[in-house]
C-alpha atoms as a PDB file:
ATOM      1  CA  MET A   1       1.325 -21.397  11.073  1.00  0.00           C
ATOM      2  CA  THR A   2       4.757 -21.776  12.812  1.00  0.00           C
ATOM      3  CA  HIS A   3       4.324 -22.839  16.277  1.00  0.00           C
ATOM      4  CA  SER A   4       1.690 -22.613  19.093  1.00  0.00           C
ATOM      5  CA  GLY A   5      -0.180 -18.861  19.502  1.00  0.00           C
ATOM      6  CA  GLU A   6       1.648 -17.959  16.261  1.00  0.00           C
ATOM      7  CA  ALA A   7       0.648 -17.687  12.473  1.00  0.00           C
ATOM      8  CA  CYS A   8       2.955 -16.781   9.839  1.00  0.00           C
ATOM      9  CA  LEU A   9       2.810 -14.980   6.262  1.00  0.00           C
ATOM     10  CA  HIS A  10       5.918 -15.017   3.849  1.00  0.00           C
ATOM     11  CA  LEU A  11       7.123 -11.882   2.328  1.00  0.00           C
ATOM     12  CA  SER A  12       7.999 -12.469  -1.314  1.00  0.00           C
ATOM     13  CA  SER A  13       9.034  -8.919  -2.533  1.00  0.00           C
ATOM     14  CA  TRP A  14       8.334  -5.373  -1.482  1.00  0.00           C
ATOM     15  CA  GLY A  15       8.257  -2.191  -3.073  1.00  0.00           C
ATOM     16  CA  THR A  16       7.593   1.771  -1.909  1.00  0.00           C
ATOM     17  CA  ALA A  17       7.352   5.188  -3.609  1.00  0.00           C
ATOM     18  CA  ARG A  18       7.495   8.667  -2.102  1.00  0.00           C
ATOM     19  CA  ALA A  19       6.426  11.853  -3.625  1.00  0.00           C
ATOM     20  CA  ASP A  20       5.339  15.633  -3.029  1.00  0.00           C
ATOM     21  CA  LEU A  21       2.035  17.162  -4.228  1.00  0.00           C
ATOM     22  CA  SER A  22       3.947  18.932  -6.965  1.00  0.00           C
ATOM     23  CA  ALA A  23       5.339  15.510  -8.827  1.00  0.00           C
ATOM     24  CA  ILE A  24       2.063  13.402  -8.544  1.00  0.00           C
ATOM     25  CA  ALA A  25       0.778  15.037 -11.721  1.00  0.00           C
ATOM     26  CA  ALA A  26       3.900  13.785 -13.732  1.00  0.00           C
ATOM     27  CA  LEU A  27       3.258  10.587 -12.311  1.00  0.00           C
ATOM     28  CA  ARG A  28      -0.294  10.468 -13.642  1.00  0.00           C
ATOM     29  CA  LYS A  29       0.997  10.353 -16.981  1.00  0.00           C
ATOM     30  CA  SER A  30       3.131   7.573 -17.161  1.00  0.00           C
ATOM     31  CA  LEU A  31       1.852   3.996 -16.984  1.00  0.00           C
ATOM     32  CA  PRO A  32       4.025   1.033 -15.631  1.00  0.00           C
ATOM     33  CA  ALA A  33       5.114  -0.964 -18.455  1.00  0.00           C
ATOM     34  CA  TRP A  34       3.142  -4.421 -17.558  1.00  0.00           C
ATOM     35  CA  ALA A  35      -0.184  -2.587 -17.812  1.00  0.00           C
ATOM     36  CA  PRO A  36      -2.412  -4.368 -20.179  1.00  0.00           C
ATOM     37  CA  LYS A  37      -2.050  -2.779 -23.579  1.00  0.00           C
ATOM     38  CA  ASP A  38      -5.192  -1.891 -24.066  1.00  0.00           C
ATOM     39  CA  THR A  39      -4.962   0.147 -21.230  1.00  0.00           C
ATOM     40  CA  PRO A  40      -5.782   4.470 -21.941  1.00  0.00           C
ATOM     41  CA  GLY A  41      -2.882   6.277 -21.174  1.00  0.00           C
ATOM     42  CA  HIS A  42      -5.211   8.878 -19.318  1.00  0.00           C
ATOM     43  CA  PHE A  43      -5.925   5.798 -16.945  1.00  0.00           C
ATOM     44  CA  LEU A  44      -4.688   7.727 -14.023  1.00  0.00           C
ATOM     45  CA  LYS A  45      -5.832  11.431 -14.991  1.00  0.00           C
ATOM     46  CA  HIS A  46      -8.915  11.282 -12.335  1.00  0.00           C
ATOM     47  CA  ALA A  47      -7.315   8.922  -9.677  1.00  0.00           C
ATOM     48  CA  ASP A  48      -6.578   9.974  -6.354  1.00  0.00           C
ATOM     49  CA  GLU A  49      -3.230  11.037  -5.311  1.00  0.00           C
ATOM     50  CA  GLN A  50      -2.566   7.626  -3.304  1.00  0.00           C
ATOM     51  CA  THR A  51      -3.769   5.326  -6.290  1.00  0.00           C
ATOM     52  CA  VAL A  52      -1.289   6.637  -8.422  1.00  0.00           C
ATOM     53  CA  LEU A  53       1.498   6.290  -5.783  1.00  0.00           C
ATOM     54  CA  ALA A  54       0.084   2.847  -5.099  1.00  0.00           C
ATOM     55  CA  VAL A  55       0.688   1.961  -8.724  1.00  0.00           C
ATOM     56  CA  ALA A  56       4.475   3.053  -8.339  1.00  0.00           C
ATOM     57  CA  ALA A  57       5.264   1.284  -5.381  1.00  0.00           C
ATOM     58  CA  LEU A  58       3.417  -2.164  -6.959  1.00  0.00           C
ATOM     59  CA  ASP A  59       5.381  -1.356  -9.721  1.00  0.00           C
ATOM     60  CA  ALA A  60       8.776  -1.317  -7.637  1.00  0.00           C
ATOM     61  CA  ALA A  61       7.759  -4.306  -6.106  1.00  0.00           C
ATOM     62  CA  ILE A  62       6.757  -5.988  -8.891  1.00  0.00           C
ATOM     63  CA  GLY A  63      10.499  -5.409 -10.625  1.00  0.00           C
ATOM     64  CA  SER A  64      12.180  -6.594  -7.291  1.00  0.00           C
ATOM     65  CA  SER A  65      10.367  -9.836  -7.529  1.00  0.00           C
ATOM     66  CA  GLY A  66      11.772 -10.970 -11.195  1.00  0.00           C
ATOM     67  CA  ARG A  67       8.860 -12.502 -11.593  1.00  0.00           C
ATOM     68  CA  PRO A  68       6.371 -11.712 -14.846  1.00  0.00           C
ATOM     69  CA  THR A  69       3.549  -9.725 -13.956  1.00  0.00           C
ATOM     70  CA  SER A  70       1.653 -12.923 -15.089  1.00  0.00           C
ATOM     71  CA  ASP A  71       2.112 -14.699 -12.104  1.00  0.00           C
ATOM     72  CA  TYR A  72       0.202 -12.247  -9.988  1.00  0.00           C
ATOM     73  CA  HIS A  73      -3.323 -12.506 -12.047  1.00  0.00           C
ATOM     74  CA  ASP A  74      -4.439 -14.950  -9.672  1.00  0.00           C
ATOM     75  CA  TRP A  75      -3.268 -12.822  -6.581  1.00  0.00           C
ATOM     76  CA  ALA A  76      -6.044 -10.856  -4.278  1.00  0.00           C
ATOM     77  CA  ILE A  77      -5.559  -7.139  -3.409  1.00  0.00           C
ATOM     78  CA  VAL A  78      -6.277  -5.264  -0.106  1.00  0.00           C
ATOM     79  CA  ALA A  79      -5.580  -1.455  -0.251  1.00  0.00           C
ATOM     80  CA  ALA A  80      -5.387   0.415   3.067  1.00  0.00           C
ATOM     81  CA  PRO A  81      -5.042   3.825   2.281  1.00  0.00           C
ATOM     82  CA  ARG A  82      -5.256   6.541   5.005  1.00  0.00           C
ATOM     83  CA  PHE A  83      -7.886   9.249   4.651  1.00  0.00           C
ATOM     84  CA  ILE A  84      -8.161   9.284   1.093  1.00  0.00           C
ATOM     85  CA  GLY A  85      -9.938  11.641  -0.822  1.00  0.00           C
ATOM     86  CA  ARG A  86      -9.333  14.588   1.550  1.00  0.00           C
ATOM     87  CA  LEU A  87      -8.080  16.568  -1.054  1.00  0.00           C
ATOM     88  CA  ALA A  88     -10.554  15.952  -3.537  1.00  0.00           C
ATOM     89  CA  GLY A  89     -13.220  16.154  -1.062  1.00  0.00           C
ATOM     90  CA  GLY A  90     -12.263  19.545  -0.291  1.00  0.00           C
ATOM     91  CA  ALA A  91     -12.817  21.188  -3.681  1.00  0.00           C
ATOM     92  CA  THR A  92     -15.753  19.172  -4.374  1.00  0.00           C
ATOM     93  CA  LEU A  93     -17.273  20.753  -0.884  1.00  0.00           C
ATOM     94  CA  GLN A  94     -16.071  24.219  -2.440  1.00  0.00           C
ATOM     95  CA  ARG A  95     -17.493  23.677  -6.458  1.00  0.00           C
ATOM     96  CA  TYR A  96     -20.882  22.410  -4.586  1.00  0.00           C
ATOM     97  CA  SER A  97     -21.170  25.546  -2.598  1.00  0.00           C
ATOM     98  CA  ARG A  98     -21.066  27.425  -6.114  1.00  0.00           C
ATOM     99  CA  GLY A  99     -22.734  25.635  -8.555  1.00  0.00           C
ATOM    100  CA  GLY A 100     -24.962  22.895  -6.401  1.00  0.00           C
ATOM    101  CA  GLY A 101     -25.105  19.125  -7.406  1.00  0.00           C
ATOM    102  CA  SER A 102     -24.317  19.224 -11.363  1.00  0.00           C
ATOM    103  CA  ALA A 103     -20.908  20.844 -10.234  1.00  0.00           C
ATOM    104  CA  ILE A 104     -19.699  17.936  -8.729  1.00  0.00           C
ATOM    105  CA  SER A 105     -17.294  15.485 -10.731  1.00  0.00           C
ATOM    106  CA  PRO A 106     -18.600  11.970 -11.381  1.00  0.00           C
ATOM    107  CA  HIS A 107     -14.867  10.789 -10.569  1.00  0.00           C
ATOM    108  CA  LEU A 108     -15.473  11.606  -7.180  1.00  0.00           C
ATOM    109  CA  ILE A 109     -17.163   8.019  -5.866  1.00  0.00           C
ATOM    110  CA  PRO A 110     -15.274   5.942  -8.282  1.00  0.00           C
ATOM    111  CA  GLN A 111     -11.598   7.285  -7.662  1.00  0.00           C
ATOM    112  CA  HIS A 112     -11.322   8.565  -4.136  1.00  0.00           C
ATOM    113  CA  SER A 113     -13.568   6.178  -2.111  1.00  0.00           C
ATOM    114  CA  LEU A 114     -12.116   3.344   0.128  1.00  0.00           C
ATOM    115  CA  HIS A 115     -12.134   0.564  -2.708  1.00  0.00           C
ATOM    116  CA  SER A 116     -10.658   2.890  -5.423  1.00  0.00           C
ATOM    117  CA  ILE A 117      -6.839   1.927  -5.001  1.00  0.00           C
ATOM    118  CA  SER A 118      -7.634  -1.569  -5.031  1.00  0.00           C
ATOM    119  CA  GLY A 119      -9.916  -1.567  -8.286  1.00  0.00           C
ATOM    120  CA  ALA A 120      -7.738   0.387 -10.094  1.00  0.00           C
ATOM    121  CA  LEU A 121      -4.567  -2.220  -9.527  1.00  0.00           C
ATOM    122  CA  SER A 122      -6.867  -5.326 -10.139  1.00  0.00           C
ATOM    123  CA  ILE A 123      -7.708  -3.312 -13.704  1.00  0.00           C
ATOM    124  CA  LEU A 124      -3.822  -2.938 -14.093  1.00  0.00           C
ATOM    125  CA  LEU A 125      -2.842  -6.349 -12.806  1.00  0.00           C
ATOM    126  CA  SER A 126      -5.767  -7.945 -14.584  1.00  0.00           C
ATOM    127  CA  SER A 127      -6.427  -9.363 -11.270  1.00  0.00           C
ATOM    128  CA  ARG A 128      -9.135 -12.553 -11.131  1.00  0.00           C
ATOM    129  CA  GLN A 129      -8.990 -12.534  -7.289  1.00  0.00           C
ATOM    130  CA  PRO A 130     -11.045 -10.312  -4.572  1.00  0.00           C
ATOM    131  CA  ASN A 131      -9.808  -6.752  -4.236  1.00  0.00           C
ATOM    132  CA  PHE A 132     -11.497  -4.269  -1.649  1.00  0.00           C
ATOM    133  CA  GLY A 133     -10.193  -1.291   1.097  1.00  0.00           C
ATOM    134  CA  VAL A 134     -10.019  -1.530   4.472  1.00  0.00           C
ATOM    135  CA  GLY A 135      -9.523   0.826   7.294  1.00  0.00           C
ATOM    136  CA  GLY A 136      -9.216   4.720   5.671  1.00  0.00           C
ATOM    137  CA  THR A 137      -8.344   5.861   9.061  1.00  0.00           C
ATOM    138  CA  GLY A 138      -5.005   6.675  11.201  1.00  0.00           C
ATOM    139  CA  HIS A 139      -5.202   2.709  11.577  1.00  0.00           C
ATOM    140  CA  SER A 140      -5.624   1.654   8.210  1.00  0.00           C
ATOM    141  CA  MET A 141      -1.708   0.166   8.370  1.00  0.00           C
ATOM    142  CA  VAL A 142      -2.214  -2.153  11.027  1.00  0.00           C
ATOM    143  CA  GLU A 143      -6.118  -2.996   9.558  1.00  0.00           C
ATOM    144  CA  GLY A 144      -4.333  -3.506   6.166  1.00  0.00           C
ATOM    145  CA  LEU A 145      -1.766  -5.996   7.350  1.00  0.00           C
ATOM    146  CA  LEU A 146      -4.467  -7.862   9.870  1.00  0.00           C
ATOM    147  CA  ALA A 147      -6.749  -8.342   6.498  1.00  0.00           C
ATOM    148  CA  ALA A 148      -3.892  -9.413   4.646  1.00  0.00           C
ATOM    149  CA  HIS A 149      -2.668 -11.753   7.102  1.00  0.00           C
ATOM    150  CA  THR A 150      -5.909 -12.955   7.562  1.00  0.00           C
ATOM    151  CA  PHE A 151      -7.842 -13.506   4.253  1.00  0.00           C
ATOM    152  CA  PRO A 152      -8.192 -16.677   2.803  1.00  0.00           C
ATOM    153  CA  GLN A 153      -5.661 -17.783   0.299  1.00  0.00           C
ATOM    154  CA  SER A 154      -7.633 -21.135  -0.879  1.00  0.00           C
ATOM    155  CA  GLY A 155      -8.430 -19.194  -4.399  1.00  0.00           C
ATOM    156  CA  SER A 156      -5.089 -17.218  -4.776  1.00  0.00           C
ATOM    157  CA  GLN A 157      -1.690 -17.714  -4.965  1.00  0.00           C
ATOM    158  CA  GLY A 158      -0.864 -14.513  -2.719  1.00  0.00           C
ATOM    159  CA  THR A 159      -2.063 -11.619  -1.429  1.00  0.00           C
ATOM    160  CA  TRP A 160      -0.945  -8.001  -2.270  1.00  0.00           C
ATOM    161  CA  LEU A 161      -1.140  -5.440   0.610  1.00  0.00           C
ATOM    162  CA  ILE A 162      -0.674  -1.671  -0.392  1.00  0.00           C
ATOM    163  CA  ALA A 163      -0.679   0.920   1.740  1.00  0.00           C
ATOM    164  CA  THR A 164      -0.795   4.287   1.433  1.00  0.00           C
ATOM    165  CA  GLY A 165      -1.165   7.640   3.461  1.00  0.00           C
ATOM    166  CA  TRP A 166       0.695  11.331   3.268  1.00  0.00           C
ATOM    167  CA  GLU A 167       3.064  13.147   5.908  1.00  0.00           C
ATOM    168  CA  PRO A 168       2.197  15.322   6.935  1.00  0.00           C
ATOM    169  CA  GLU A 169      -1.192  15.312   6.351  1.00  0.00           C
ATOM    170  CA  PRO A 170      -2.441  18.202   3.219  1.00  0.00           C
ATOM    171  CA  GLN A 171      -3.801  20.975   4.949  1.00  0.00           C
ATOM    172  CA  LEU A 172      -6.506  22.884   3.181  1.00  0.00           C
ATOM    173  CA  ASP A 173      -7.557  26.452   3.214  1.00  0.00           C
ATOM    174  CA  ALA A 174     -11.052  28.021   2.755  1.00  0.00           C
ATOM    175  CA  THR A 175     -11.030  27.566  -0.876  1.00  0.00           C
ATOM    176  CA  GLY A 176     -10.317  24.021  -0.880  1.00  0.00           C
ATOM    177  CA  ASN A 177      -6.420  24.578  -2.077  1.00  0.00           C
ATOM    178  CA  CYS A 178      -3.595  22.601  -0.275  1.00  0.00           C
ATOM    179  CA  CYS A 179      -1.761  25.076   2.018  1.00  0.00           C
ATOM    180  CA  ASN A 180       1.120  22.823   3.045  1.00  0.00           C
ATOM    181  CA  GLU A 181       3.453  20.603   1.519  1.00  0.00           C
ATOM    182  CA  PRO A 182       2.391  17.170   1.925  1.00  0.00           C
ATOM    183  CA  VAL A 183       4.296  13.863   1.002  1.00  0.00           C
ATOM    184  CA  CYS A 184       2.303  11.008  -0.223  1.00  0.00           C
ATOM    185  CA  HIS A 185       3.652   7.339   1.009  1.00  0.00           C
ATOM    186  CA  ALA A 186       3.379   4.093  -0.710  1.00  0.00           C
ATOM    187  CA  VAL A 187       4.045   0.785   0.313  1.00  0.00           C
ATOM    188  CA  ALA A 188       3.434  -2.942  -1.422  1.00  0.00           C
ATOM    189  CA  LEU A 189       4.296  -5.852   0.400  1.00  0.00           C
ATOM    190  CA  ALA A 190       3.752  -9.798  -1.507  1.00  0.00           C
ATOM    191  CA  LEU A 191       2.573 -11.806   1.166  1.00  0.00           C
ATOM    192  CA  GLN A 192       2.016 -15.832   0.420  1.00  0.00           C
ATOM    193  CA  SER A 193       1.531 -18.426   2.840  1.00  0.00           C
ATOM    194  CA  ALA A 194       4.612 -20.856   1.303  1.00  0.00           C
ATOM    195  CA  GLN A 195       8.170 -19.540   1.523  1.00  0.00           C
ATOM    196  CA  GLN A 196       9.338 -18.605  -1.898  1.00  0.00           C
ATOM    197  CA  ASP A 197      12.736 -18.671  -3.439  1.00  0.00           C
ATOM    198  CA  GLY A 198      14.457 -15.386  -2.510  1.00  0.00           C
ATOM    199  CA  SER A 199      11.893 -14.690   0.014  1.00  0.00           C
ATOM    200  CA  CYS A 200      12.793 -11.182   1.879  1.00  0.00           C
ATOM    201  CA  GLY A 201      10.864 -11.135   5.214  1.00  0.00           C
ATOM    202  CA  ARG A 202       7.641 -12.337   7.014  1.00  0.00           C
ATOM    203  CA  LEU A 203       4.405 -11.202   8.448  1.00  0.00           C
ATOM    204  CA  ARG A 204       3.782 -12.914  12.031  1.00  0.00           C
ATOM    205  CA  LEU A 205       0.392 -12.586  13.591  1.00  0.00           C
ATOM    206  CA  LEU A 206       1.416 -13.365  17.339  1.00  0.00           C
ATOM    207  CA  GLY A 207      -1.519 -14.334  20.211  1.00  0.00           C
ATOM    208  CA  ASP A 208       0.438 -12.009  22.723  1.00  0.00           C
ATOM    209  CA  TYR A 209       2.908  -9.357  21.969  1.00  0.00           C
ATOM    210  CA  GLN A 210       4.043  -9.732  25.674  1.00  0.00           C
ATOM    211  CA  SER A 211       5.439 -13.218  24.295  1.00  0.00           C
ATOM    212  CA  ILE A 212       7.967 -11.270  21.928  1.00  0.00           C
ATOM    213  CA  GLU A 213      11.860 -11.790  23.554  1.00  0.00           C
ATOM    214  CA  SER A 214      12.230  -7.932  23.251  1.00  0.00           C
ATOM    215  CA  SER A 215      10.767  -5.056  21.963  1.00  0.00           C
ATOM    216  CA  ALA A 216      14.610  -3.706  20.829  1.00  0.00           C
ATOM    217  CA  GLY A 217      15.302  -3.428  17.692  1.00  0.00           C
ATOM    218  CA  HIS A 218      11.342  -2.941  16.501  1.00  0.00           C
ATOM    219  CA  TYR A 219       9.693   0.003  14.965  1.00  0.00           C
ATOM    220  CA  TRP A 220       6.175  -0.066  16.731  1.00  0.00           C
ATOM    221  CA  SER A 221       3.366   1.416  14.998  1.00  0.00           C
ATOM    222  CA  GLU A 222       4.405   2.532  12.102  1.00  0.00           C
ATOM    223  CA  SER A 223       2.151   4.495   9.654  1.00  0.00           C
ATOM    224  CA  ALA A 224       2.454   3.576   5.968  1.00  0.00           C
ATOM    225  CA  ALA A 225       4.343   6.802   5.634  1.00  0.00           C
ATOM    226  CA  GLY A 226       7.048   5.643   8.386  1.00  0.00           C
ATOM    227  CA  LEU A 227       7.027   2.030   6.968  1.00  0.00           C
ATOM    228  CA  CYS A 228       7.705   3.818   3.431  1.00  0.00           C
ATOM    229  CA  CYS A 229      10.628   5.558   4.616  1.00  0.00           C
ATOM    230  CA  ARG A 230      12.257   2.839   6.880  1.00  0.00           C
ATOM    231  CA  LEU A 231      12.270  -0.170   3.979  1.00  0.00           C
ATOM    232  CA  ALA A 232      13.523   2.549   1.707  1.00  0.00           C
ATOM    233  CA  GLU A 233      16.584   3.190   4.387  1.00  0.00           C
ATOM    234  CA  LEU A 234      17.486  -0.781   4.259  1.00  0.00           C
ATOM    235  CA  VAL A 235      21.033  -1.913   3.369  1.00  0.00           C
ATOM    236  CA  PRO A 236      21.254  -4.277   0.755  1.00  0.00           C
ATOM    237  CA  ASN A 237      21.625  -7.577   1.524  1.00  0.00           C
ATOM    238  CA  GLY A 238      22.015  -6.129   5.160  1.00  0.00           C
ATOM    239  CA  PRO A 239      20.110  -8.092   8.540  1.00  0.00           C
ATOM    240  CA  ALA A 240      16.646  -8.113   8.702  1.00  0.00           C
ATOM    241  CA  THR A 241      14.278  -5.370  10.228  1.00  0.00           C
ATOM    242  CA  CYS A 242      11.529  -5.807  12.580  1.00  0.00           C
ATOM    243  CA  PHE A 243       8.253  -3.243  12.717  1.00  0.00           C
ATOM    244  CA  GLY A 244       5.431  -4.146  14.792  1.00  0.00           C
ATOM    245  CA  TRP A 245       1.862  -3.363  15.470  1.00  0.00           C
ATOM    246  CA  HIS A 246      -0.209  -3.671  18.565  1.00  0.00           C
ATOM    247  CA  LEU A 247      -3.372  -5.419  17.906  1.00  0.00           C
ATOM    248  CA  PRO A 248      -6.487  -4.289  20.451  1.00  0.00           C
ATOM    249  CA  SER A 249      -7.085  -7.792  21.186  1.00  0.00           C
ATOM    250  CA  GLY A 250      -3.927  -8.077  22.773  1.00  0.00           C
ATOM    251  CA  GLY A 251      -2.044  -9.868  20.211  1.00  0.00           C
ATOM    252  CA  ALA A 252       0.558  -8.339  17.820  1.00  0.00           C
ATOM    253  CA  LEU A 253       2.022  -8.228  14.072  1.00  0.00           C
ATOM    254  CA  ILE A 254       5.488  -8.215  13.554  1.00  0.00           C
ATOM    255  CA  LEU A 255       6.791  -7.560  10.261  1.00  0.00           C
ATOM    256  CA  GLU A 256      10.406  -8.613   9.067  1.00  0.00           C
ATOM    257  CA  ALA A 257      12.076  -7.227   5.877  1.00  0.00           C
ATOM    258  CA  THR A 258      15.213  -7.346   4.188  1.00  0.00           C
ATOM    259  CA  ASN A 259      16.511  -5.509   1.384  1.00  0.00           C
ATOM    260  CA  THR A 260      17.733  -7.628  -1.731  1.00  0.00           C
ATOM    261  CA  ALA A 261      20.198  -6.918  -4.415  1.00  0.00           C
ATOM    262  CA  ALA A 262      17.028  -7.225  -6.752  1.00  0.00           C
ATOM    263  CA  ASN A 263      15.302  -4.377  -4.556  1.00  0.00           C
ATOM    264  CA  LEU A 264      18.470  -2.488  -5.114  1.00  0.00           C
ATOM    265  CA  ARG A 265      18.355  -2.537  -8.702  1.00  0.00           C
ATOM    266  CA  ALA A 266      14.813  -1.716  -9.045  1.00  0.00           C
ATOM    267  CA  ALA A 267      15.458   1.586  -6.825  1.00  0.00           C
ATOM    268  CA  ALA A 268      18.464   2.414  -8.669  1.00  0.00           C
END
């Protein structure tokens, strides 16, 4: 708690990833170097596209942190996907209309549901802490931030927030195939209650957003796609950029983030 009416978590690292639909197939075939050695190479074969990008964003965040992956075994994982499973759902409806229940893939529920991203990341990180998905709608970004901010950290050393989404949203034709050119985005934020060496920002929960001195310089109500793009544009070692989300309660969440030299090396 920083002062009356404001609670704060520190941002120790962040990472982003973006890819269009055609490029995601190649990303499925490669796992991060920190994945457990016994992880099968086809681990992401049936994963939702948002899960694939979540892994890439988390890989970028871990790489920029300069810390070994073992440091994250006791971190909780909160995933906030936006409309996850839309592509798989459209294809499944078409198969069902032609072949009934036997035509539905057994991978649909475990790989394309709200908790699929956090579950996959938990396996890859060998996490010993809770993992869960929140939101799933157009408001998933702010719901994920609020969940990560208020999640008890007594049993964990920190919380990963992974937010994902498409921009634009995929449009499916009558056969269940995508007929536009959507881009999938993912953001990974490493949040801790205590400030760490090399911290690159903070996430503040304000009781009343009217108390913010000025909205100038804030990007308000960013989606995962918007936040991903703006973070990727931050100038290395430049001033902090602020992002804001209004809460239904009248409060606000403010994310302040900078790009460190380590982030630059990870993106290169």
